[in-house]
Amino acid sequence: MPEPKLTSDNINVSEAFIQKFSEIYIKQRTESRFDYKTIDQSLLFKKHGFKSEALEKIITKNSVAIDIKREFGEKPAILNDIYRSDLGELLLTYYFEEKLPEKERFKIPYKNITNRELASSSGRGLDAVGYRENDDKIELLLGEAKVSGEKKNPPAVVDLNNDSIYKTQKKFKDNQSLLIKQLSDYCRKLSKEDAEKIGIIILLMQFNKASDYDIVFGCTLVRDVTCFKIDDDFGKFFSQKTDFDPYQVHFCIMNLSKEINVTIDLFYNKVQELCNIL
C-alpha cells in the first residue's frame, strides 16, 4: 500500500505573498463566463454610452465580500470568518494545481471560491475536486483545507471535530454512494473536457472497476510558527497511516511565518485595497 505523503511548507508572509494571493483571490471571486471586451460593441452598450470596463468594476466590487467587523476594527468569529476559510482553500488549490512538480499536479476545474452563491458565506461540500492522468489510470483528488492557530497538536480541526479533515475525508472513503452523489452534482457543472474525466471516474466507481482509478485524499492545514509542530499536527494521518488504504493520502501543512490572525488581516486589507483601485 502507498505510504501517505506527509509534508510541510514554510511560508514567508511577505508583501509579495500577500499581493500574489490577494490577486489570485480577486481573480477567482470575479471570474466570469464571458469576455467583457466582447460586449463593448453591442447595440445596447452603444445605445446607452457604456463601456464594459465600468460593468467589470461594479461586478468586481460587489463580488468580493466586505467584512463589517474588520471594517470597524473588530475580530470576526472564526466560524464566520470567510477570509480565513478562503485563504485556506486558496492555498489548498494552489498547492495541488501549481506548487507540486509538474507531473504530479492536478487540474481543479471548478473552484468553490468562484462559484459559491454568496460572497460572504462559505460553500458546502468538498473544498476541491480535481483529477490527473498517469499511464494506466485516472486519479481523483478530494481536497479538504483547514486553518487553525489552536495551541494544541494536532488542533481539533485535524481529526477531533465532526467536520475535521480526517472525519470528512474518511466519510467519503467509507461511503462510495455518498461520493458518487457528490461527484454527480459536481460533474454536471463542468465543461465537456473536464466532465469526461470526472464522468469516467463516476462510471468506474459505479461498476466496481477499482483497478482503473485511484483516489488521492488531499489535505491542507494552515498553521503558524507559534503553534506548528511537525508530525504531531498530522494527527491520525500520522498515527493511523493505513486508514485510507488502498488509496493515497497527501497532506501538506502550510506553516506561516506570521500569526494566522495577522496574516488574515493583511490578506483582507490587501484584497479590499486592490478592489478599490481597479
C-alpha atoms as a PDB file:
ATOM      1  CA  MET A   1       0.000   0.000   0.000  1.00  0.00           C
ATOM      2  CA  PRO A   2       1.251   3.547  -0.711  1.00  0.00           C
ATOM      3  CA  GLU A   3       2.796   5.426   2.206  1.00  0.00           C
ATOM      4  CA  PRO A   4       0.968   8.693   2.932  1.00  0.00           C
ATOM      5  CA  LYS A   5       2.792  11.822   1.784  1.00  0.00           C
ATOM      6  CA  LEU A   6       3.037  13.983   4.904  1.00  0.00           C
ATOM      7  CA  THR A   7       4.863  17.210   4.121  1.00  0.00           C
ATOM      8  CA  SER A   8       5.221  20.757   5.397  1.00  0.00           C
ATOM      9  CA  ASP A   9       5.932  24.027   3.654  1.00  0.00           C
ATOM     10  CA  ASN A  10       7.333  27.075   5.449  1.00  0.00           C
ATOM     11  CA  ILE A  11       5.703  30.200   4.035  1.00  0.00           C
ATOM     12  CA  ASN A  12       7.228  33.647   4.349  1.00  0.00           C
ATOM     13  CA  VAL A  13       4.267  36.001   4.791  1.00  0.00           C
ATOM     14  CA  SER A  14       5.896  38.808   2.845  1.00  0.00           C
ATOM     15  CA  GLU A  15       4.323  41.682   0.963  1.00  0.00           C
ATOM     16  CA  ALA A  16       4.864  39.687  -2.234  1.00  0.00           C
ATOM     17  CA  PHE A  17       2.981  36.690  -0.759  1.00  0.00           C
ATOM     18  CA  ILE A  18       0.021  38.836   0.324  1.00  0.00           C
ATOM     19  CA  GLN A  19      -0.065  40.633  -3.037  1.00  0.00           C
ATOM     20  CA  LYS A  20       0.078  37.396  -5.021  1.00  0.00           C
ATOM     21  CA  PHE A  21      -2.684  35.578  -3.194  1.00  0.00           C
ATOM     22  CA  SER A  22      -4.892  38.667  -2.985  1.00  0.00           C
ATOM     23  CA  GLU A  23      -4.700  38.967  -6.771  1.00  0.00           C
ATOM     24  CA  ILE A  24      -5.433  35.245  -7.211  1.00  0.00           C
ATOM     25  CA  TYR A  25      -8.372  35.552  -4.813  1.00  0.00           C
ATOM     26  CA  ILE A  26      -9.917  38.514  -6.651  1.00  0.00           C
ATOM     27  CA  LYS A  27      -9.456  36.723  -9.966  1.00  0.00           C
ATOM     28  CA  GLN A  28     -11.251  33.630  -8.670  1.00  0.00           C
ATOM     29  CA  ARG A  29     -14.057  35.549  -6.951  1.00  0.00           C
ATOM     30  CA  THR A  30     -14.781  37.697 -10.008  1.00  0.00           C
ATOM     31  CA  GLU A  31     -14.247  35.179 -12.810  1.00  0.00           C
ATOM     32  CA  SER A  32     -16.971  35.476 -15.452  1.00  0.00           C
ATOM     33  CA  ARG A  33     -18.176  33.179 -18.220  1.00  0.00           C
ATOM     34  CA  PHE A  34     -17.926  35.956 -20.786  1.00  0.00           C
ATOM     35  CA  ASP A  35     -15.207  38.269 -22.043  1.00  0.00           C
ATOM     36  CA  TYR A  36     -16.028  41.838 -21.009  1.00  0.00           C
ATOM     37  CA  LYS A  37     -14.402  43.289 -24.119  1.00  0.00           C
ATOM     38  CA  THR A  38     -16.739  41.395 -26.436  1.00  0.00           C
ATOM     39  CA  ILE A  39     -19.800  43.309 -25.235  1.00  0.00           C
ATOM     40  CA  ASP A  40     -18.374  46.790 -25.843  1.00  0.00           C
ATOM     41  CA  GLN A  41     -19.633  46.707 -29.431  1.00  0.00           C
ATOM     42  CA  SER A  42     -23.127  45.513 -28.587  1.00  0.00           C
ATOM     43  CA  LEU A  43     -26.057  47.714 -29.655  1.00  0.00           C
ATOM     44  CA  LEU A  44     -27.280  48.076 -26.076  1.00  0.00           C
ATOM     45  CA  PHE A  45     -23.931  49.295 -24.751  1.00  0.00           C
ATOM     46  CA  LYS A  46     -23.529  51.697 -27.678  1.00  0.00           C
ATOM     47  CA  LYS A  47     -27.081  52.980 -27.257  1.00  0.00           C
ATOM     48  CA  HIS A  48     -26.563  53.881 -23.604  1.00  0.00           C
ATOM     49  CA  GLY A  49     -22.958  55.007 -23.943  1.00  0.00           C
ATOM     50  CA  PHE A  50     -21.434  52.499 -21.531  1.00  0.00           C
ATOM     51  CA  LYS A  51     -18.154  50.629 -21.652  1.00  0.00           C
ATOM     52  CA  SER A  52     -17.694  47.111 -20.296  1.00  0.00           C
ATOM     53  CA  GLU A  53     -14.898  48.424 -18.073  1.00  0.00           C
ATOM     54  CA  ALA A  54     -17.489  50.173 -15.906  1.00  0.00           C
ATOM     55  CA  LEU A  55     -19.510  46.962 -15.595  1.00  0.00           C
ATOM     56  CA  GLU A  56     -16.390  44.983 -14.689  1.00  0.00           C
ATOM     57  CA  LYS A  57     -15.539  47.379 -11.854  1.00  0.00           C
ATOM     58  CA  ILE A  58     -19.048  47.189 -10.413  1.00  0.00           C
ATOM     59  CA  ILE A  59     -19.172  43.392 -10.619  1.00  0.00           C
ATOM     60  CA  THR A  60     -15.710  43.088  -9.049  1.00  0.00           C
ATOM     61  CA  LYS A  61     -16.599  45.373  -6.152  1.00  0.00           C
ATOM     62  CA  ASN A  62     -19.829  43.508  -5.453  1.00  0.00           C
ATOM     63  CA  SER A  63     -18.399  40.007  -5.856  1.00  0.00           C
ATOM     64  CA  VAL A  64     -15.785  40.462  -3.133  1.00  0.00           C
ATOM     65  CA  ALA A  65     -17.187  40.421   0.398  1.00  0.00           C
ATOM     66  CA  ILE A  66     -16.692  43.290   2.829  1.00  0.00           C
ATOM     67  CA  ASP A  67     -16.158  42.134   6.412  1.00  0.00           C
ATOM     68  CA  ILE A  68     -18.151  44.577   8.551  1.00  0.00           C
ATOM     69  CA  LYS A  69     -16.447  43.556  11.775  1.00  0.00           C
ATOM     70  CA  ARG A  70     -12.984  44.106  10.331  1.00  0.00           C
ATOM     71  CA  GLU A  71     -14.084  47.430   8.878  1.00  0.00           C
ATOM     72  CA  PHE A  72     -14.971  48.540  12.432  1.00  0.00           C
ATOM     73  CA  GLY A  73     -11.719  47.227  13.884  1.00  0.00           C
ATOM     74  CA  GLU A  74     -13.249  44.102  15.440  1.00  0.00           C
ATOM     75  CA  LYS A  75     -12.317  40.437  15.074  1.00  0.00           C
ATOM     76  CA  PRO A  76     -14.863  38.211  13.305  1.00  0.00           C
ATOM     77  CA  ALA A  77     -15.714  34.899  14.955  1.00  0.00           C
ATOM     78  CA  ILE A  78     -13.590  32.082  13.496  1.00  0.00           C
ATOM     79  CA  LEU A  79     -16.617  30.160  12.222  1.00  0.00           C
ATOM     80  CA  ASN A  80     -17.898  33.264  10.400  1.00  0.00           C
ATOM     81  CA  ASP A  81     -14.555  34.459   9.054  1.00  0.00           C
ATOM     82  CA  ILE A  82     -14.910  33.927   5.320  1.00  0.00           C
ATOM     83  CA  TYR A  83     -11.428  35.303   4.584  1.00  0.00           C
ATOM     84  CA  ARG A  84      -9.880  32.806   6.983  1.00  0.00           C
ATOM     85  CA  SER A  85     -11.519  29.794   5.311  1.00  0.00           C
ATOM     86  CA  ASP A  86     -10.996  31.247   1.831  1.00  0.00           C
ATOM     87  CA  LEU A  87      -7.254  31.645   2.354  1.00  0.00           C
ATOM     88  CA  GLY A  88      -7.078  28.005   3.430  1.00  0.00           C
ATOM     89  CA  GLU A  89      -8.964  26.914   0.336  1.00  0.00           C
ATOM     90  CA  LEU A  90      -6.854  29.180  -1.865  1.00  0.00           C
ATOM     91  CA  LEU A  91      -3.634  27.635  -0.541  1.00  0.00           C
ATOM     92  CA  LEU A  92      -5.071  24.132  -0.988  1.00  0.00           C
ATOM     93  CA  THR A  93      -5.906  24.645  -4.654  1.00  0.00           C
ATOM     94  CA  TYR A  94      -2.642  26.476  -5.315  1.00  0.00           C
ATOM     95  CA  TYR A  95      -0.606  23.668  -3.757  1.00  0.00           C
ATOM     96  CA  PHE A  96      -2.209  20.833  -5.725  1.00  0.00           C
ATOM     97  CA  GLU A  97      -2.547  22.735  -9.015  1.00  0.00           C
ATOM     98  CA  GLU A  98       0.685  24.740  -9.138  1.00  0.00           C
ATOM     99  CA  LYS A  99       3.146  24.035  -6.307  1.00  0.00           C
ATOM    100  CA  LEU A 100       3.636  20.320  -6.894  1.00  0.00           C
ATOM    101  CA  PRO A 101       6.141  19.130  -9.523  1.00  0.00           C
ATOM    102  CA  GLU A 102       4.517  19.483 -12.937  1.00  0.00           C
ATOM    103  CA  LYS A 103       3.867  15.781 -13.494  1.00  0.00           C
ATOM    104  CA  GLU A 104       2.175  15.442 -10.094  1.00  0.00           C
ATOM    105  CA  ARG A 105      -0.223  18.376 -10.436  1.00  0.00           C
ATOM    106  CA  PHE A 106      -3.984  18.077 -10.577  1.00  0.00           C
ATOM    107  CA  LYS A 107      -6.492  20.078 -12.538  1.00  0.00           C
ATOM    108  CA  ILE A 108      -9.187  21.562 -10.292  1.00  0.00           C
ATOM    109  CA  PRO A 109     -11.665  22.846 -12.859  1.00  0.00           C
ATOM    110  CA  TYR A 110     -14.409  24.138 -10.572  1.00  0.00           C
ATOM    111  CA  LYS A 111     -13.409  26.500  -7.776  1.00  0.00           C
ATOM    112  CA  ASN A 112     -15.735  26.893  -4.783  1.00  0.00           C
ATOM    113  CA  ILE A 113     -14.480  30.441  -4.257  1.00  0.00           C
ATOM    114  CA  THR A 114     -15.610  31.332  -7.781  1.00  0.00           C
ATOM    115  CA  ASN A 115     -18.910  29.525  -7.823  1.00  0.00           C
ATOM    116  CA  ARG A 116     -20.465  29.805  -4.369  1.00  0.00           C
ATOM    117  CA  GLU A 117     -23.785  31.595  -4.199  1.00  0.00           C
ATOM    118  CA  LEU A 118     -22.915  34.322  -1.669  1.00  0.00           C
ATOM    119  CA  ALA A 119     -19.637  36.232  -1.405  1.00  0.00           C
ATOM    120  CA  SER A 120     -19.898  36.358   2.388  1.00  0.00           C
ATOM    121  CA  SER A 121     -20.744  32.693   3.010  1.00  0.00           C
ATOM    122  CA  SER A 122     -18.543  29.657   2.517  1.00  0.00           C
ATOM    123  CA  GLY A 123     -19.590  26.870   0.182  1.00  0.00           C
ATOM    124  CA  ARG A 124     -20.635  23.400   1.222  1.00  0.00           C
ATOM    125  CA  GLY A 125     -19.159  20.006   0.448  1.00  0.00           C
ATOM    126  CA  LEU A 126     -15.579  19.259  -0.515  1.00  0.00           C
ATOM    127  CA  ASP A 127     -13.174  22.185  -0.749  1.00  0.00           C
ATOM    128  CA  ALA A 128     -11.672  20.907  -4.004  1.00  0.00           C
ATOM    129  CA  VAL A 129     -12.247  18.160  -6.552  1.00  0.00           C
ATOM    130  CA  GLY A 130      -9.670  17.538  -9.239  1.00  0.00           C
ATOM    131  CA  TYR A 131      -8.073  14.926 -11.446  1.00  0.00           C
ATOM    132  CA  ARG A 132      -4.819  13.904 -13.084  1.00  0.00           C
ATOM    133  CA  GLU A 133      -3.936  11.164 -15.537  1.00  0.00           C
ATOM    134  CA  ASN A 134      -1.000   8.788 -15.413  1.00  0.00           C
ATOM    135  CA  ASP A 135      -0.008   5.947 -17.723  1.00  0.00           C
ATOM    136  CA  ASP A 136      -2.521   3.359 -16.591  1.00  0.00           C
ATOM    137  CA  LYS A 137      -5.259   5.043 -14.575  1.00  0.00           C
ATOM    138  CA  ILE A 138      -7.001   8.308 -13.762  1.00  0.00           C
ATOM    139  CA  GLU A 139      -6.652   9.744 -10.255  1.00  0.00           C
ATOM    140  CA  LEU A 140      -9.290  11.711  -8.378  1.00  0.00           C
ATOM    141  CA  LEU A 141      -8.340  14.452  -5.901  1.00  0.00           C
ATOM    142  CA  LEU A 142     -10.625  15.065  -2.929  1.00  0.00           C
ATOM    143  CA  GLY A 143      -9.325  18.204  -1.231  1.00  0.00           C
ATOM    144  CA  GLU A 144     -10.040  19.470   2.270  1.00  0.00           C
ATOM    145  CA  ALA A 145      -8.458  22.513   3.946  1.00  0.00           C
ATOM    146  CA  LYS A 146      -8.495  23.881   7.490  1.00  0.00           C
ATOM    147  CA  VAL A 147      -6.891  26.852   9.232  1.00  0.00           C
ATOM    148  CA  SER A 148      -6.023  26.709  12.921  1.00  0.00           C
ATOM    149  CA  GLY A 149      -3.971  28.699  15.400  1.00  0.00           C
ATOM    150  CA  GLU A 150      -5.015  26.448  18.277  1.00  0.00           C
ATOM    151  CA  LYS A 151      -2.136  25.856  20.721  1.00  0.00           C
ATOM    152  CA  LYS A 152      -2.685  22.117  20.648  1.00  0.00           C
ATOM    153  CA  ASN A 153      -1.062  19.482  18.465  1.00  0.00           C
ATOM    154  CA  PRO A 154      -2.873  18.351  16.461  1.00  0.00           C
ATOM    155  CA  PRO A 155      -5.549  21.054  16.508  1.00  0.00           C
ATOM    156  CA  ALA A 156      -9.146  19.817  16.735  1.00  0.00           C
ATOM    157  CA  VAL A 157      -9.744  20.577  13.041  1.00  0.00           C
ATOM    158  CA  VAL A 158      -7.407  17.731  12.044  1.00  0.00           C
ATOM    159  CA  ASP A 159      -9.213  14.718  13.494  1.00  0.00           C
ATOM    160  CA  LEU A 160     -11.393  15.616  16.518  1.00  0.00           C
ATOM    161  CA  ASN A 161     -14.199  17.865  15.275  1.00  0.00           C
ATOM    162  CA  ASN A 162     -17.126  16.368  13.362  1.00  0.00           C
ATOM    163  CA  ASP A 163     -16.094  18.434  10.333  1.00  0.00           C
ATOM    164  CA  SER A 164     -12.372  17.765  10.804  1.00  0.00           C
ATOM    165  CA  ILE A 165     -10.164  16.911   7.851  1.00  0.00           C
ATOM    166  CA  TYR A 166      -9.894  13.282   8.932  1.00  0.00           C
ATOM    167  CA  LYS A 167     -13.617  12.687   9.515  1.00  0.00           C
ATOM    168  CA  THR A 168     -14.646  14.476   6.329  1.00  0.00           C
ATOM    169  CA  GLN A 169     -12.214  12.501   4.184  1.00  0.00           C
ATOM    170  CA  LYS A 170     -12.960   9.202   5.965  1.00  0.00           C
ATOM    171  CA  LYS A 171     -16.671   9.720   5.309  1.00  0.00           C
ATOM    172  CA  PHE A 172     -16.055   9.774   1.564  1.00  0.00           C
ATOM    173  CA  LYS A 173     -13.574   6.915   1.744  1.00  0.00           C
ATOM    174  CA  ASP A 174     -16.079   4.660   3.548  1.00  0.00           C
ATOM    175  CA  ASN A 175     -19.243   5.668   1.698  1.00  0.00           C
ATOM    176  CA  GLN A 176     -18.855   5.281  -2.065  1.00  0.00           C
ATOM    177  CA  SER A 177     -22.540   6.023  -2.714  1.00  0.00           C
ATOM    178  CA  LEU A 178     -22.168   9.398  -0.998  1.00  0.00           C
ATOM    179  CA  LEU A 179     -19.031  10.144  -3.014  1.00  0.00           C
ATOM    180  CA  ILE A 180     -20.751   9.241  -6.302  1.00  0.00           C
ATOM    181  CA  LYS A 181     -23.634  11.522  -5.343  1.00  0.00           C
ATOM    182  CA  GLN A 182     -21.249  14.432  -4.656  1.00  0.00           C
ATOM    183  CA  LEU A 183     -19.302  13.831  -7.867  1.00  0.00           C
ATOM    184  CA  SER A 184     -22.516  13.601  -9.915  1.00  0.00           C
ATOM    185  CA  ASP A 185     -23.602  17.049  -8.778  1.00  0.00           C
ATOM    186  CA  TYR A 186     -20.103  18.369  -9.403  1.00  0.00           C
ATOM    187  CA  CYS A 187     -19.769  16.788 -12.854  1.00  0.00           C
ATOM    188  CA  ARG A 188     -22.815  18.485 -14.362  1.00  0.00           C
ATOM    189  CA  LYS A 189     -21.265  21.908 -13.750  1.00  0.00           C
ATOM    190  CA  LEU A 190     -18.135  21.204 -15.765  1.00  0.00           C
ATOM    191  CA  SER A 191     -17.032  21.745 -19.324  1.00  0.00           C
ATOM    192  CA  LYS A 192     -17.121  18.810 -21.747  1.00  0.00           C
ATOM    193  CA  GLU A 193     -13.397  18.124 -21.348  1.00  0.00           C
ATOM    194  CA  ASP A 194     -13.487  18.089 -17.546  1.00  0.00           C
ATOM    195  CA  ALA A 195     -16.841  16.281 -17.326  1.00  0.00           C
ATOM    196  CA  GLU A 196     -15.353  13.472 -19.410  1.00  0.00           C
ATOM    197  CA  LYS A 197     -12.620  12.897 -16.795  1.00  0.00           C
ATOM    198  CA  ILE A 198     -14.818  13.122 -13.707  1.00  0.00           C
ATOM    199  CA  GLY A 199     -17.573  11.237 -15.516  1.00  0.00           C
ATOM    200  CA  ILE A 200     -15.363   8.250 -16.269  1.00  0.00           C
ATOM    201  CA  ILE A 201     -14.347   8.100 -12.601  1.00  0.00           C
ATOM    202  CA  ILE A 202     -18.037   8.030 -11.611  1.00  0.00           C
ATOM    203  CA  LEU A 203     -18.659   5.150 -14.032  1.00  0.00           C
ATOM    204  CA  LEU A 204     -15.604   3.215 -12.870  1.00  0.00           C
ATOM    205  CA  MET A 205     -16.799   3.551  -9.283  1.00  0.00           C
ATOM    206  CA  GLN A 206     -20.374   2.632 -10.096  1.00  0.00           C
ATOM    207  CA  PHE A 207     -19.348  -0.502 -11.985  1.00  0.00           C
ATOM    208  CA  ASN A 208     -16.675  -1.563  -9.471  1.00  0.00           C
ATOM    209  CA  LYS A 209     -13.653  -1.171 -11.748  1.00  0.00           C
ATOM    210  CA  ALA A 210     -11.391  -0.162  -8.887  1.00  0.00           C
ATOM    211  CA  SER A 211      -8.172  -1.124 -10.679  1.00  0.00           C
ATOM    212  CA  ASP A 212      -8.720   1.611 -13.283  1.00  0.00           C
ATOM    213  CA  TYR A 213      -8.856   4.610 -10.965  1.00  0.00           C
ATOM    214  CA  ASP A 214      -7.312   5.850  -7.735  1.00  0.00           C
ATOM    215  CA  ILE A 215      -8.233   8.444  -5.119  1.00  0.00           C
ATOM    216  CA  VAL A 216      -5.883  10.965  -3.552  1.00  0.00           C
ATOM    217  CA  PHE A 217      -7.165  12.402  -0.300  1.00  0.00           C
ATOM    218  CA  GLY A 218      -5.541  15.830  -0.455  1.00  0.00           C
ATOM    219  CA  CYS A 219      -5.338  17.736   2.812  1.00  0.00           C
ATOM    220  CA  THR A 220      -4.017  21.177   3.708  1.00  0.00           C
ATOM    221  CA  LEU A 221      -3.673  22.551   7.231  1.00  0.00           C
ATOM    222  CA  VAL A 222      -2.645  26.184   7.667  1.00  0.00           C
ATOM    223  CA  ARG A 223      -0.625  26.782  10.860  1.00  0.00           C
ATOM    224  CA  ASP A 224       1.901  29.375  12.001  1.00  0.00           C
ATOM    225  CA  VAL A 225       5.249  29.466  13.795  1.00  0.00           C
ATOM    226  CA  THR A 226       3.609  29.915  17.220  1.00  0.00           C
ATOM    227  CA  CYS A 227       1.716  26.602  17.122  1.00  0.00           C
ATOM    228  CA  PHE A 228       3.087  24.307  14.390  1.00  0.00           C
ATOM    229  CA  LYS A 229       4.646  21.008  15.443  1.00  0.00           C
ATOM    230  CA  ILE A 230       5.781  18.607  12.764  1.00  0.00           C
ATOM    231  CA  ASP A 231       4.363  15.055  12.848  1.00  0.00           C
ATOM    232  CA  ASP A 232       2.062  15.803  15.810  1.00  0.00           C
ATOM    233  CA  ASP A 233      -0.051  18.149  13.682  1.00  0.00           C
ATOM    234  CA  PHE A 234      -0.816  15.350  11.224  1.00  0.00           C
ATOM    235  CA  GLY A 235      -2.798  13.584  13.954  1.00  0.00           C
ATOM    236  CA  LYS A 236      -4.389  10.307  12.838  1.00  0.00           C
ATOM    237  CA  PHE A 237      -2.963  10.744   9.356  1.00  0.00           C
ATOM    238  CA  PHE A 238       0.414  10.030  11.014  1.00  0.00           C
ATOM    239  CA  SER A 239      -0.576   7.666  13.838  1.00  0.00           C
ATOM    240  CA  GLN A 240      -3.080   5.594  11.807  1.00  0.00           C
ATOM    241  CA  LYS A 241      -1.405   5.566   8.415  1.00  0.00           C
ATOM    242  CA  THR A 242      -3.384   2.659   6.964  1.00  0.00           C
ATOM    243  CA  ASP A 243      -6.862   4.173   7.493  1.00  0.00           C
ATOM    244  CA  PHE A 244      -7.181   5.252   3.855  1.00  0.00           C
ATOM    245  CA  ASP A 245      -5.742   2.144   2.202  1.00  0.00           C
ATOM    246  CA  PRO A 246      -5.793   1.233  -0.637  1.00  0.00           C
ATOM    247  CA  TYR A 247      -5.924   4.893  -1.646  1.00  0.00           C
ATOM    248  CA  GLN A 248      -3.368   7.677  -1.369  1.00  0.00           C
ATOM    249  CA  VAL A 249      -3.084  10.449   1.226  1.00  0.00           C
ATOM    250  CA  HIS A 250      -1.216  13.683   0.506  1.00  0.00           C
ATOM    251  CA  PHE A 251      -1.224  16.052   3.488  1.00  0.00           C
ATOM    252  CA  CYS A 252       0.674  19.346   3.455  1.00  0.00           C
ATOM    253  CA  ILE A 253       0.904  21.697   6.443  1.00  0.00           C
ATOM    254  CA  MET A 254       1.435  25.332   5.473  1.00  0.00           C
ATOM    255  CA  ASN A 255       3.486  26.964   8.238  1.00  0.00           C
ATOM    256  CA  LEU A 256       3.084  30.751   8.115  1.00  0.00           C
ATOM    257  CA  SER A 257       5.920  32.999   9.335  1.00  0.00           C
ATOM    258  CA  LYS A 258       3.364  35.381  10.898  1.00  0.00           C
ATOM    259  CA  GLU A 259       0.475  34.565  13.200  1.00  0.00           C
ATOM    260  CA  ILE A 260      -2.649  33.418  11.397  1.00  0.00           C
ATOM    261  CA  ASN A 261      -4.800  36.333  12.580  1.00  0.00           C
ATOM    262  CA  VAL A 262      -2.184  38.842  11.436  1.00  0.00           C
ATOM    263  CA  THR A 263      -1.872  37.097   8.053  1.00  0.00           C
ATOM    264  CA  ILE A 264      -5.644  37.032   7.504  1.00  0.00           C
ATOM    265  CA  ASP A 265      -5.912  40.753   8.309  1.00  0.00           C
ATOM    266  CA  LEU A 266      -3.114  41.554   5.861  1.00  0.00           C
ATOM    267  CA  PHE A 267      -4.816  39.412   3.232  1.00  0.00           C
ATOM    268  CA  TYR A 268      -8.211  41.050   3.790  1.00  0.00           C
ATOM    269  CA  ASN A 269      -6.831  44.592   3.722  1.00  0.00           C
ATOM    270  CA  LYS A 270      -4.889  43.973   0.508  1.00  0.00           C
ATOM    271  CA  VAL A 271      -7.936  42.437  -1.220  1.00  0.00           C
ATOM    272  CA  GLN A 272     -10.027  45.491  -0.328  1.00  0.00           C
ATOM    273  CA  GLU A 273      -7.241  47.858  -1.405  1.00  0.00           C
ATOM    274  CA  LEU A 274      -6.918  46.176  -4.799  1.00  0.00           C
ATOM    275  CA  CYS A 275     -10.682  46.149  -5.342  1.00  0.00           C
ATOM    276  CA  ASN A 276     -10.863  49.884  -4.647  1.00  0.00           C
ATOM    277  CA  ILE A 277      -8.186  50.762  -7.194  1.00  0.00           C
ATOM    278  CA  LEU A 278      -9.470  48.540 -10.023  1.00  0.00           C
END
